[in-house]
C-alpha atoms as a PDB file:
ATOM      1  CA  MET A   1     -59.112-119.509 -39.389  1.00  0.00           C
ATOM      2  CA  SER A   2     -56.632-119.384 -42.245  1.00  0.00           C
ATOM      3  CA  LEU A   3     -55.546-123.440 -43.157  1.00  0.00           C
ATOM      4  CA  GLN A   4     -52.915-124.356 -41.425  1.00  0.00           C
ATOM      5  CA  LEU A   5     -49.676-127.497 -41.221  1.00  0.00           C
ATOM      6  CA  THR A   6     -49.341-128.228 -37.740  1.00  0.00           C
ATOM      7  CA  GLY A   7     -45.435-129.233 -37.822  1.00  0.00           C
ATOM      8  CA  ILE A   8     -42.971-131.101 -39.318  1.00  0.00           C
ATOM      9  CA  HIS A   9     -44.505-134.589 -40.689  1.00  0.00           C
ATOM     10  CA  HIS A  10     -41.862-137.048 -41.552  1.00  0.00           C
ATOM     11  CA  LEU A  11     -38.382-136.897 -43.793  1.00  0.00           C
ATOM     12  CA  THR A  12     -37.488-138.909 -46.097  1.00  0.00           C
ATOM     13  CA  ALA A  13     -33.726-139.648 -47.021  1.00  0.00           C
ATOM     14  CA  ILE A  14     -31.642-142.027 -49.300  1.00  0.00           C
ATOM     15  CA  THR A  15     -29.563-144.869 -48.544  1.00  0.00           C
ATOM     16  CA  ALA A  16     -26.986-147.038 -50.374  1.00  0.00           C
ATOM     17  CA  ASN A  17     -26.701-149.369 -47.832  1.00  0.00           C
ATOM     18  CA  ALA A  18     -30.049-150.791 -46.032  1.00  0.00           C
ATOM     19  CA  PRO A  19     -28.275-152.971 -43.534  1.00  0.00           C
ATOM     20  CA  GLY A  20     -26.178-150.645 -42.091  1.00  0.00           C
ATOM     21  CA  ASN A  21     -28.824-148.046 -42.391  1.00  0.00           C
ATOM     22  CA  LEU A  22     -31.076-150.264 -40.136  1.00  0.00           C
ATOM     23  CA  HIS A  23     -28.030-150.653 -37.732  1.00  0.00           C
ATOM     24  CA  PHE A  24     -27.384-147.238 -37.353  1.00  0.00           C
ATOM     25  CA  TYR A  25     -31.269-145.608 -36.712  1.00  0.00           C
ATOM     26  CA  THR A  26     -32.481-148.706 -34.274  1.00  0.00           C
ATOM     27  CA  LYS A  27     -28.925-149.892 -32.569  1.00  0.00           C
ATOM     28  CA  VAL A  28     -27.217-146.152 -32.233  1.00  0.00           C
ATOM     29  CA  LEU A  29     -29.815-143.895 -32.383  1.00  0.00           C
ATOM     30  CA  GLY A  30     -31.972-146.427 -30.946  1.00  0.00           C
ATOM     31  CA  LEU A  31     -35.439-145.578 -32.936  1.00  0.00           C
ATOM     32  CA  ARG A  32     -37.956-147.942 -33.424  1.00  0.00           C
ATOM     33  CA  LEU A  33     -38.266-149.374 -37.390  1.00  0.00           C
ATOM     34  CA  VAL A  34     -42.205-148.919 -37.479  1.00  0.00           C
ATOM     35  CA  LYS A  35     -42.295-149.680 -41.269  1.00  0.00           C
ATOM     36  CA  LYS A  36     -40.567-151.815 -43.489  1.00  0.00           C
ATOM     37  CA  THR A  37     -41.994-151.586 -47.053  1.00  0.00           C
ATOM     38  CA  VAL A  38     -41.306-150.682 -50.501  1.00  0.00           C
ATOM     39  CA  ASN A  39     -41.072-147.733 -52.335  1.00  0.00           C
ATOM     40  CA  GLN A  40     -44.242-147.752 -54.257  1.00  0.00           C
ATOM     41  CA  ASP A  41     -43.046-146.227 -57.215  1.00  0.00           C
ATOM     42  CA  ASP A  42     -39.677-148.351 -57.547  1.00  0.00           C
ATOM     43  CA  THR A  43     -40.495-152.018 -55.636  1.00  0.00           C
ATOM     44  CA  SER A  44     -36.998-152.942 -55.998  1.00  0.00           C
ATOM     45  CA  ALA A  45     -35.906-149.657 -53.129  1.00  0.00           C
ATOM     46  CA  TYR A  46     -36.610-150.859 -49.793  1.00  0.00           C
ATOM     47  CA  HIS A  47     -38.694-148.081 -47.805  1.00  0.00           C
ATOM     48  CA  LEU A  48     -37.624-147.994 -44.327  1.00  0.00           C
ATOM     49  CA  PHE A  49     -39.553-145.793 -41.780  1.00  0.00           C
ATOM     50  CA  TYR A  50     -38.220-144.970 -38.246  1.00  0.00           C
ATOM     51  CA  ALA A  51     -39.571-143.883 -35.656  1.00  0.00           C
ATOM     52  CA  ASP A  52     -40.415-143.111 -31.848  1.00  0.00           C
ATOM     53  CA  GLY A  53     -42.720-146.352 -29.580  1.00  0.00           C
ATOM     54  CA  GLU A  54     -45.881-145.459 -30.742  1.00  0.00           C
ATOM     55  CA  ALA A  55     -44.856-144.239 -34.832  1.00  0.00           C
ATOM     56  CA  THR A  56     -46.660-140.861 -34.040  1.00  0.00           C
ATOM     57  CA  PRO A  57     -46.856-137.951 -36.788  1.00  0.00           C
ATOM     58  CA  GLY A  58     -44.324-136.129 -37.243  1.00  0.00           C
ATOM     59  CA  THR A  59     -41.407-138.545 -35.335  1.00  0.00           C
ATOM     60  CA  ASP A  60     -40.362-140.052 -38.997  1.00  0.00           C
ATOM     61  CA  LEU A  61     -37.306-140.187 -40.449  1.00  0.00           C
ATOM     62  CA  THR A  62     -37.495-142.582 -43.529  1.00  0.00           C
ATOM     63  CA  PHE A  63     -35.244-143.582 -45.931  1.00  0.00           C
ATOM     64  CA  PHE A  64     -35.292-144.921 -49.796  1.00  0.00           C
ATOM     65  CA  ASP A  65     -32.822-147.678 -49.852  1.00  0.00           C
ATOM     66  CA  TRP A  66     -31.109-146.792 -53.845  1.00  0.00           C
ATOM     67  CA  PRO A  67     -27.667-147.937 -55.241  1.00  0.00           C
ATOM     68  CA  VAL A  68     -26.354-144.757 -56.019  1.00  0.00           C
ATOM     69  CA  GLY A  69     -23.246-142.902 -55.080  1.00  0.00           C
ATOM     70  CA  ARG A  70     -22.628-140.579 -52.166  1.00  0.00           C
ATOM     71  CA  GLU A  71     -24.747-136.650 -53.044  1.00  0.00           C
ATOM     72  CA  ARG A  72     -22.638-133.822 -54.034  1.00  0.00           C
ATOM     73  CA  ARG A  73     -23.723-131.472 -51.579  1.00  0.00           C
ATOM     74  CA  GLY A  74     -24.658-127.689 -52.269  1.00  0.00           C
ATOM     75  CA  THR A  75     -27.889-125.758 -52.352  1.00  0.00           C
ATOM     76  CA  HIS A  76     -31.042-126.287 -53.750  1.00  0.00           C
ATOM     77  CA  SER A  77     -31.524-128.685 -50.832  1.00  0.00           C
ATOM     78  CA  ILE A  78     -32.575-130.065 -47.756  1.00  0.00           C
ATOM     79  CA  VAL A  79     -28.985-129.696 -45.883  1.00  0.00           C
ATOM     80  CA  ARG A  80     -30.025-130.786 -42.025  1.00  0.00           C
ATOM     81  CA  THR A  81     -32.302-133.095 -40.147  1.00  0.00           C
ATOM     82  CA  SER A  82     -33.128-131.971 -36.559  1.00  0.00           C
ATOM     83  CA  LEU A  83     -34.274-134.557 -33.796  1.00  0.00           C
ATOM     84  CA  ARG A  84     -35.508-133.240 -31.217  1.00  0.00           C
ATOM     85  CA  VAL A  85     -34.368-134.525 -27.642  1.00  0.00           C
ATOM     86  CA  GLY A  86     -35.604-133.530 -24.217  1.00  0.00           C
ATOM     87  CA  SER A  87     -32.931-131.785 -21.668  1.00  0.00           C
ATOM     88  CA  GLN A  88     -29.877-130.453 -21.972  1.00  0.00           C
ATOM     89  CA  GLN A  89     -28.698-133.162 -20.012  1.00  0.00           C
ATOM     90  CA  SER A  90     -30.064-135.611 -22.802  1.00  0.00           C
ATOM     91  CA  LEU A  91     -27.468-133.700 -25.402  1.00  0.00           C
ATOM     92  CA  ALA A  92     -24.473-134.683 -23.019  1.00  0.00           C
ATOM     93  CA  TRP A  93     -25.377-138.360 -22.691  1.00  0.00           C
ATOM     94  CA  TRP A  94     -25.780-138.321 -26.646  1.00  0.00           C
ATOM     95  CA  LYS A  95     -22.484-136.577 -26.818  1.00  0.00           C
ATOM     96  CA  GLN A  96     -20.768-139.820 -24.707  1.00  0.00           C
ATOM     97  CA  ARG A  97     -22.876-142.099 -26.549  1.00  0.00           C
ATOM     98  CA  LEU A  98     -21.775-140.873 -30.164  1.00  0.00           C
ATOM     99  CA  THR A  99     -18.242-140.819 -29.099  1.00  0.00           C
ATOM    100  CA  ASP A 100     -18.124-144.302 -28.119  1.00  0.00           C
ATOM    101  CA  GLU A 101     -19.491-145.049 -31.183  1.00  0.00           C
ATOM    102  CA  ASN A 102     -16.689-143.364 -32.860  1.00  0.00           C
ATOM    103  CA  ILE A 103     -19.136-141.057 -34.194  1.00  0.00           C
ATOM    104  CA  VAL A 104     -17.684-137.504 -34.210  1.00  0.00           C
ATOM    105  CA  ALA A 105     -19.898-135.147 -32.580  1.00  0.00           C
ATOM    106  CA  SER A 106     -19.981-131.143 -32.602  1.00  0.00           C
ATOM    107  CA  GLU A 107     -19.944-129.499 -29.050  1.00  0.00           C
ATOM    108  CA  THR A 108     -23.088-127.999 -27.642  1.00  0.00           C
ATOM    109  CA  ALA A 109     -23.816-124.793 -28.959  1.00  0.00           C
ATOM    110  CA  ASP A 110     -26.945-122.737 -29.287  1.00  0.00           C
ATOM    111  CA  ILE A 111     -28.028-122.413 -33.112  1.00  0.00           C
ATOM    112  CA  GLY A 112     -30.852-120.781 -33.846  1.00  0.00           C
ATOM    113  CA  GLY A 113     -32.047-120.252 -30.041  1.00  0.00           C
ATOM    114  CA  TYR A 114     -31.972-123.974 -29.138  1.00  0.00           C
ATOM    115  CA  LEU A 115     -29.034-125.568 -27.993  1.00  0.00           C
ATOM    116  CA  CYS A 116     -27.936-128.492 -30.348  1.00  0.00           C
ATOM    117  CA  LEU A 117     -25.042-130.859 -31.276  1.00  0.00           C
ATOM    118  CA  ASP A 118     -24.403-131.776 -34.667  1.00  0.00           C
ATOM    119  CA  PHE A 119     -22.851-135.100 -36.146  1.00  0.00           C
ATOM    120  CA  GLU A 120     -23.492-137.303 -39.151  1.00  0.00           C
ATOM    121  CA  ASP A 121     -24.689-140.778 -40.059  1.00  0.00           C
ATOM    122  CA  PRO A 122     -21.942-143.090 -41.673  1.00  0.00           C
ATOM    123  CA  GLU A 123     -23.013-142.323 -45.020  1.00  0.00           C
ATOM    124  CA  GLY A 124     -22.974-138.255 -44.371  1.00  0.00           C
ATOM    125  CA  GLN A 125     -26.151-137.766 -43.535  1.00  0.00           C
ATOM    126  CA  ARG A 126     -26.051-134.475 -41.863  1.00  0.00           C
ATOM    127  CA  LEU A 127     -28.264-134.937 -38.541  1.00  0.00           C
ATOM    128  CA  ARG A 128     -28.555-132.153 -35.459  1.00  0.00           C
ATOM    129  CA  LEU A 129     -30.253-133.100 -31.746  1.00  0.00           C
ATOM    130  CA  VAL A 130     -31.911-130.441 -30.643  1.00  0.00           C
ATOM    131  CA  SER A 131     -32.758-129.892 -27.275  1.00  0.00           C
ATOM    132  CA  ASP A 132     -36.735-128.975 -27.083  1.00  0.00           C
ATOM    133  CA  GLY A 133     -36.568-128.665 -23.647  1.00  0.00           C
ATOM    134  CA  GLY A 134     -39.351-131.836 -22.868  1.00  0.00           C
ATOM    135  CA  LYS A 135     -42.362-129.892 -24.089  1.00  0.00           C
ATOM    136  CA  GLY A 136     -45.169-131.891 -26.094  1.00  0.00           C
ATOM    137  CA  ASP A 137     -45.835-135.171 -25.142  1.00  0.00           C
ATOM    138  CA  SER A 138     -43.104-138.257 -25.884  1.00  0.00           C
ATOM    139  CA  HIS A 139     -43.727-141.964 -26.814  1.00  0.00           C
ATOM    140  CA  PRO A 140     -40.527-144.220 -25.735  1.00  0.00           C
ATOM    141  CA  TRP A 141     -39.688-147.454 -27.352  1.00  0.00           C
ATOM    142  CA  ALA A 142     -39.122-149.979 -24.712  1.00  0.00           C
ATOM    143  CA  GLN A 143     -36.901-152.225 -26.097  1.00  0.00           C
ATOM    144  CA  SER A 144     -35.059-149.289 -27.545  1.00  0.00           C
ATOM    145  CA  PRO A 145     -31.019-149.733 -26.454  1.00  0.00           C
ATOM    146  CA  VAL A 146     -30.976-145.897 -25.725  1.00  0.00           C
ATOM    147  CA  PRO A 147     -32.672-144.780 -22.171  1.00  0.00           C
ATOM    148  CA  ALA A 148     -36.445-143.484 -21.921  1.00  0.00           C
ATOM    149  CA  GLU A 149     -35.378-139.901 -21.030  1.00  0.00           C
ATOM    150  CA  HIS A 150     -32.206-139.614 -23.787  1.00  0.00           C
ATOM    151  CA  GLN A 151     -34.905-141.240 -26.459  1.00  0.00           C
ATOM    152  CA  ILE A 152     -35.271-139.118 -29.616  1.00  0.00           C
ATOM    153  CA  ARG A 153     -38.752-137.375 -29.032  1.00  0.00           C
ATOM    154  CA  GLY A 154     -39.043-136.080 -33.027  1.00  0.00           C
ATOM    155  CA  LEU A 155     -38.352-134.689 -35.851  1.00  0.00           C
ATOM    156  CA  GLY A 156     -38.044-130.712 -35.979  1.00  0.00           C
ATOM    157  CA  PRO A 157     -36.125-128.067 -36.977  1.00  0.00           C
ATOM    158  CA  ILE A 158     -35.604-128.512 -40.873  1.00  0.00           C
ATOM    159  CA  VAL A 159     -33.086-126.581 -43.007  1.00  0.00           C
ATOM    160  CA  ILE A 160     -33.372-126.393 -46.709  1.00  0.00           C
ATOM    161  CA  SER A 161     -30.005-124.333 -48.489  1.00  0.00           C
ATOM    162  CA  VAL A 162     -31.450-121.656 -51.080  1.00  0.00           C
ATOM    163  CA  PRO A 163     -29.473-118.904 -53.412  1.00  0.00           C
ATOM    164  CA  ASP A 164     -32.242-116.696 -52.174  1.00  0.00           C
ATOM    165  CA  SER A 165     -34.753-116.822 -50.131  1.00  0.00           C
ATOM    166  CA  THR A 166     -36.925-114.602 -51.376  1.00  0.00           C
ATOM    167  CA  ASN A 167     -39.278-116.717 -53.805  1.00  0.00           C
ATOM    168  CA  THR A 168     -39.629-119.628 -51.464  1.00  0.00           C
ATOM    169  CA  GLU A 169     -40.454-116.741 -48.099  1.00  0.00           C
ATOM    170  CA  ALA A 170     -42.997-116.066 -50.538  1.00  0.00           C
ATOM    171  CA  VAL A 171     -44.541-119.493 -50.985  1.00  0.00           C
ATOM    172  CA  VAL A 172     -44.111-121.091 -47.250  1.00  0.00           C
ATOM    173  CA  THR A 173     -45.877-117.917 -46.495  1.00  0.00           C
ATOM    174  CA  GLN A 174     -48.377-116.859 -48.724  1.00  0.00           C
ATOM    175  CA  VAL A 175     -49.364-120.143 -49.848  1.00  0.00           C
ATOM    176  CA  MET A 176     -48.771-122.639 -46.734  1.00  0.00           C
ATOM    177  CA  ASN A 177     -49.584-120.152 -44.288  1.00  0.00           C
ATOM    178  CA  MET A 178     -45.916-120.173 -41.933  1.00  0.00           C
ATOM    179  CA  ARG A 179     -45.565-117.169 -40.224  1.00  0.00           C
ATOM    180  CA  LYS A 180     -41.672-115.756 -40.095  1.00  0.00           C
ATOM    181  CA  ALA A 181     -40.550-116.013 -36.516  1.00  0.00           C
ATOM    182  CA  ARG A 182     -37.059-114.845 -36.415  1.00  0.00           C
ATOM    183  CA  ASP A 183     -33.629-114.713 -38.218  1.00  0.00           C
ATOM    184  CA  TYR A 184     -30.325-115.861 -37.242  1.00  0.00           C
ATOM    185  CA  ALA A 185     -26.500-115.967 -38.300  1.00  0.00           C
ATOM    186  CA  SER A 186     -25.114-119.318 -38.630  1.00  0.00           C
ATOM    187  CA  PRO A 187     -21.183-119.894 -39.633  1.00  0.00           C
ATOM    188  CA  GLU A 188     -23.145-121.551 -43.355  1.00  0.00           C
ATOM    189  CA  GLY A 189     -25.023-118.209 -43.730  1.00  0.00           C
ATOM    190  CA  GLN A 190     -28.212-116.403 -42.553  1.00  0.00           C
ATOM    191  CA  VAL A 191     -31.219-118.269 -41.989  1.00  0.00           C
ATOM    192  CA  HIS A 192     -34.983-117.179 -41.346  1.00  0.00           C
ATOM    193  CA  VAL A 193     -37.081-119.039 -39.369  1.00  0.00           C
ATOM    194  CA  PHE A 194     -40.674-119.927 -40.294  1.00  0.00           C
ATOM    195  CA  GLU A 195     -43.285-121.514 -38.292  1.00  0.00           C
ATOM    196  CA  MET A 196     -46.284-123.533 -38.227  1.00  0.00           C
ATOM    197  CA  GLY A 197     -49.204-124.711 -35.984  1.00  0.00           C
ATOM    198  CA  GLU A 198     -48.181-123.826 -32.310  1.00  0.00           C
ATOM    199  CA  GLY A 199     -44.196-123.027 -33.314  1.00  0.00           C
ATOM    200  CA  GLY A 200     -41.505-124.472 -31.434  1.00  0.00           C
ATOM    201  CA  PRO A 201     -39.150-126.761 -33.160  1.00  0.00           C
ATOM    202  CA  ALA A 202     -41.464-129.341 -33.818  1.00  0.00           C
ATOM    203  CA  ALA A 203     -43.177-127.395 -36.274  1.00  0.00           C
ATOM    204  CA  GLU A 204     -40.056-125.170 -37.926  1.00  0.00           C
ATOM    205  CA  LEU A 205     -38.337-124.359 -41.301  1.00  0.00           C
ATOM    206  CA  HIS A 206     -34.973-123.084 -41.067  1.00  0.00           C
ATOM    207  CA  VAL A 207     -33.793-121.262 -44.705  1.00  0.00           C
ATOM    208  CA  LEU A 208     -30.311-120.990 -44.853  1.00  0.00           C
ATOM    209  CA  VAL A 209     -29.211-118.544 -47.617  1.00  0.00           C
ATOM    210  CA  GLN A 210     -26.307-120.007 -49.599  1.00  0.00           C
ATOM    211  CA  PRO A 211     -25.670-117.852 -52.979  1.00  0.00           C
ATOM    212  CA  GLY A 212     -22.321-118.758 -53.255  1.00  0.00           C
ATOM    213  CA  LEU A 213     -22.623-122.371 -54.055  1.00  0.00           C
ATOM    214  CA  ALA A 214     -23.771-124.729 -56.738  1.00  0.00           C
ATOM    215  CA  PRO A 215     -26.913-126.757 -56.993  1.00  0.00           C
ATOM    216  CA  ALA A 216     -26.753-130.248 -54.661  1.00  0.00           C
ATOM    217  CA  ARG A 217     -26.925-133.189 -56.523  1.00  0.00           C
ATOM    218  CA  GLN A 218     -28.627-136.091 -54.844  1.00  0.00           C
ATOM    219  CA  GLY A 219     -27.251-139.489 -53.979  1.00  0.00           C
ATOM    220  CA  ALA A 220     -26.450-141.224 -50.290  1.00  0.00           C
ATOM    221  CA  GLY A 221     -26.719-138.926 -47.722  1.00  0.00           C
ATOM    222  CA  ALA A 222     -28.694-136.599 -49.612  1.00  0.00           C
ATOM    223  CA  VAL A 223     -32.459-135.864 -48.157  1.00  0.00           C
ATOM    224  CA  HIS A 224     -35.116-136.790 -50.695  1.00  0.00           C
ATOM    225  CA  HIS A 225     -38.092-134.720 -49.390  1.00  0.00           C
ATOM    226  CA  VAL A 226     -39.725-133.363 -46.471  1.00  0.00           C
ATOM    227  CA  ALA A 227     -43.693-133.417 -45.265  1.00  0.00           C
ATOM    228  CA  PHE A 228     -45.430-131.080 -43.627  1.00  0.00           C
ATOM    229  CA  ARG A 229     -48.357-132.116 -41.196  1.00  0.00           C
ATOM    230  CA  ALA A 230     -52.030-131.782 -42.473  1.00  0.00           C
ATOM    231  CA  PRO A 231     -54.710-133.077 -39.253  1.00  0.00           C
ATOM    232  CA  ASP A 232     -56.801-135.314 -41.981  1.00  0.00           C
ATOM    233  CA  GLN A 233     -57.819-136.037 -45.626  1.00  0.00           C
ATOM    234  CA  GLU A 234     -60.711-132.720 -45.784  1.00  0.00           C
ATOM    235  CA  THR A 235     -58.166-130.900 -45.133  1.00  0.00           C
ATOM    236  CA  LEU A 236     -55.507-132.276 -47.636  1.00  0.00           C
ATOM    237  CA  HIS A 237     -58.126-131.340 -50.037  1.00  0.00           C
ATOM    238  CA  GLN A 238     -58.737-128.052 -48.540  1.00  0.00           C
ATOM    239  CA  TRP A 239     -54.796-127.555 -49.366  1.00  0.00           C
ATOM    240  CA  THR A 240     -54.613-129.187 -53.039  1.00  0.00           C
ATOM    241  CA  ALA A 241     -57.498-126.681 -53.864  1.00  0.00           C
ATOM    242  CA  ARG A 242     -55.060-123.701 -52.344  1.00  0.00           C
ATOM    243  CA  LEU A 243     -52.135-124.863 -54.406  1.00  0.00           C
ATOM    244  CA  ALA A 244     -54.169-124.957 -57.566  1.00  0.00           C
ATOM    245  CA  GLU A 245     -55.646-121.441 -56.620  1.00  0.00           C
ATOM    246  CA  PHE A 246     -52.078-120.218 -56.352  1.00  0.00           C
ATOM    247  CA  ARG A 247     -51.502-122.073 -60.053  1.00  0.00           C
ATOM    248  CA  LEU A 248     -48.786-123.963 -58.313  1.00  0.00           C
ATOM    249  CA  PRO A 249     -48.113-127.181 -59.983  1.00  0.00           C
ATOM    250  CA  SER A 250     -48.482-130.516 -57.798  1.00  0.00           C
ATOM    251  CA  SER A 251     -48.504-134.299 -58.238  1.00  0.00           C
ATOM    252  CA  GLY A 252     -52.595-133.720 -56.344  1.00  0.00           C
ATOM    253  CA  GLU A 253     -53.106-136.309 -54.116  1.00  0.00           C
ATOM    254  CA  VAL A 254     -51.240-139.649 -54.325  1.00  0.00           C
ATOM    255  CA  GLU A 255     -52.880-142.710 -51.718  1.00  0.00           C
ATOM    256  CA  ARG A 256     -49.754-143.646 -49.859  1.00  0.00           C
ATOM    257  CA  TYR A 257     -52.439-146.226 -47.602  1.00  0.00           C
ATOM    258  CA  TYR A 258     -50.518-145.065 -44.086  1.00  0.00           C
ATOM    259  CA  PHE A 259     -51.304-141.643 -45.053  1.00  0.00           C
ATOM    260  CA  ARG A 260     -52.667-139.369 -48.291  1.00  0.00           C
ATOM    261  CA  SER A 261     -50.020-136.653 -49.679  1.00  0.00           C
ATOM    262  CA  LEU A 262     -49.874-134.295 -51.980  1.00  0.00           C
ATOM    263  CA  TYR A 263     -46.041-133.496 -53.602  1.00  0.00           C
ATOM    264  CA  PHE A 264     -44.923-129.979 -54.694  1.00  0.00           C
ATOM    265  CA  ARG A 265     -41.752-128.226 -55.337  1.00  0.00           C
ATOM    266  CA  GLU A 266     -40.700-124.403 -53.986  1.00  0.00           C
ATOM    267  CA  PRO A 267     -39.237-122.257 -56.124  1.00  0.00           C
ATOM    268  CA  ASN A 268     -35.932-123.397 -55.561  1.00  0.00           C
ATOM    269  CA  GLY A 269     -36.364-127.039 -56.571  1.00  0.00           C
ATOM    270  CA  ILE A 270     -36.749-128.567 -53.241  1.00  0.00           C
ATOM    271  CA  LEU A 271     -40.041-131.249 -53.100  1.00  0.00           C
ATOM    272  CA  PHE A 272     -42.370-130.807 -50.236  1.00  0.00           C
ATOM    273  CA  GLU A 273     -45.027-132.840 -49.734  1.00  0.00           C
ATOM    274  CA  ILE A 274     -48.275-132.415 -47.384  1.00  0.00           C
ATOM    275  CA  ALA A 275     -49.194-135.483 -45.150  1.00  0.00           C
ATOM    276  CA  THR A 276     -52.492-136.652 -43.414  1.00  0.00           C
ATOM    277  CA  ASP A 277     -51.559-137.961 -39.892  1.00  0.00           C
ATOM    278  CA  GLY A 278     -54.294-140.454 -40.450  1.00  0.00           C
ATOM    279  CA  PRO A 279     -54.663-143.468 -40.749  1.00  0.00           C
ATOM    280  CA  GLY A 280     -51.082-144.387 -39.901  1.00  0.00           C
ATOM    281  CA  PHE A 281     -48.979-147.177 -39.583  1.00  0.00           C
ATOM    282  CA  THR A 282     -51.400-149.590 -37.297  1.00  0.00           C
ATOM    283  CA  ALA A 283     -53.386-149.625 -40.802  1.00  0.00           C
ATOM    284  CA  ASP A 284     -52.384-153.088 -41.510  1.00  0.00           C
ATOM    285  CA  GLU A 285     -50.187-154.408 -38.207  1.00  0.00           C
ATOM    286  CA  PRO A 286     -50.519-154.102 -34.694  1.00  0.00           C
ATOM    287  CA  LEU A 287     -48.743-151.318 -32.915  1.00  0.00           C
ATOM    288  CA  GLU A 288     -46.857-154.093 -30.869  1.00  0.00           C
ATOM    289  CA  THR A 289     -45.432-155.684 -34.467  1.00  0.00           C
ATOM    290  CA  LEU A 290     -45.249-152.922 -36.221  1.00  0.00           C
ATOM    291  CA  GLY A 291     -41.887-153.249 -38.700  1.00  0.00           C
ATOM    292  CA  GLU A 292     -41.044-157.119 -37.686  1.00  0.00           C
ATOM    293  CA  LYS A 293     -42.213-157.928 -41.279  1.00  0.00           C
ATOM    294  CA  LEU A 294     -42.450-156.668 -45.271  1.00  0.00           C
ATOM    295  CA  ALA A 295     -45.508-154.860 -45.339  1.00  0.00           C
ATOM    296  CA  LEU A 296     -47.290-153.712 -48.163  1.00  0.00           C
ATOM    297  CA  PRO A 297     -50.337-151.726 -49.169  1.00  0.00           C
ATOM    298  CA  PRO A 298     -53.149-153.731 -50.460  1.00  0.00           C
ATOM    299  CA  PHE A 299     -52.147-152.670 -54.450  1.00  0.00           C
ATOM    300  CA  LEU A 300     -48.875-154.380 -54.108  1.00  0.00           C
ATOM    301  CA  GLU A 301     -49.807-157.532 -52.328  1.00  0.00           C
ATOM    302  CA  PRO A 302     -50.671-159.684 -55.308  1.00  0.00           C
ATOM    303  CA  LYS A 303     -47.015-158.899 -56.402  1.00  0.00           C
ATOM    304  CA  ARG A 304     -45.386-159.563 -52.877  1.00  0.00           C
ATOM    305  CA  ALA A 305     -43.527-162.470 -54.609  1.00  0.00           C
ATOM    306  CA  SER A 306     -41.661-160.803 -57.391  1.00  0.00           C
ATOM    307  CA  ILE A 307     -41.457-157.620 -54.698  1.00  0.00           C
ATOM    308  CA  GLU A 308     -39.627-160.007 -52.178  1.00  0.00           C
ATOM    309  CA  ALA A 309     -37.632-162.368 -54.607  1.00  0.00           C
ATOM    310  CA  GLY A 310     -36.129-158.742 -55.573  1.00  0.00           C
ATOM    311  CA  LEU A 311     -35.133-157.413 -52.662  1.00  0.00           C
ATOM    312  CA  LYS A 312     -31.892-158.097 -50.504  1.00  0.00           C
ATOM    313  CA  PRO A 313     -31.649-159.366 -46.842  1.00  0.00           C
ATOM    314  CA  LEU A 314     -31.656-156.478 -44.173  1.00  0.00           C
ATOM    315  CA  LYS A 315     -29.794-158.767 -41.675  1.00  0.00           C
END
């Protein structure tokens, strides 16, 4: 059995308005704030993690809070983040909810084999609700403003834009062991679909080819990186060795406390991460009270007073 990624682990994006971001993702989209912490490389910035009711790997949408202007859209970037819901009925419910919240949403359409609804958050973060047909487990959050049957179930697929897919395809298939699943034409361009693990929307990367676009420049509304799932630390060690074997430069393994990570850039410069499923967000807080206090990994705990003094209130 070759080394396999099992799906999307998390996606990390950029906000310049942490209080507004918190309101939109918890009060409008109904996700749970499961970890309120800081960027471990820049402790002046919040790192906010939103997920399902049990903070399950594969459901985390996370944000760095940086005082930056809006992104310049373009290629060499992650361009749309899909959030899975359980049915076509849920898409209809969400269309009405977004309209009621003055969020412009597309009509429901078949995109790449899935029924979808496109919209943007208030900072221009490009999002897509995808019906996954209710396949797999879901863990609703009891305190969500969204009824359990319509809650967001997790991430995937993720759409990246590249000017030429040749080298990206080589890395995702030959190094990352993804399988080429299918192609489809979208209004933005041709899309190649690669799948991991058991496949399906929670385990797909969609590569959109856009040769005519200038490169994106990151800012608020942009995506910083996407992470893929490795079951445990032993598997991550194997991925570290595999990248080295292919002479693909990487960060080496980084201890993030809630998971262990390995970062590298695919040939078009998009930042990929492989992250372990465990130990998870209950490593330092009980499940019942996740996200209620500022959580710091042990190596930052001695600096808590100065870190807290440098952060703006979220509410």
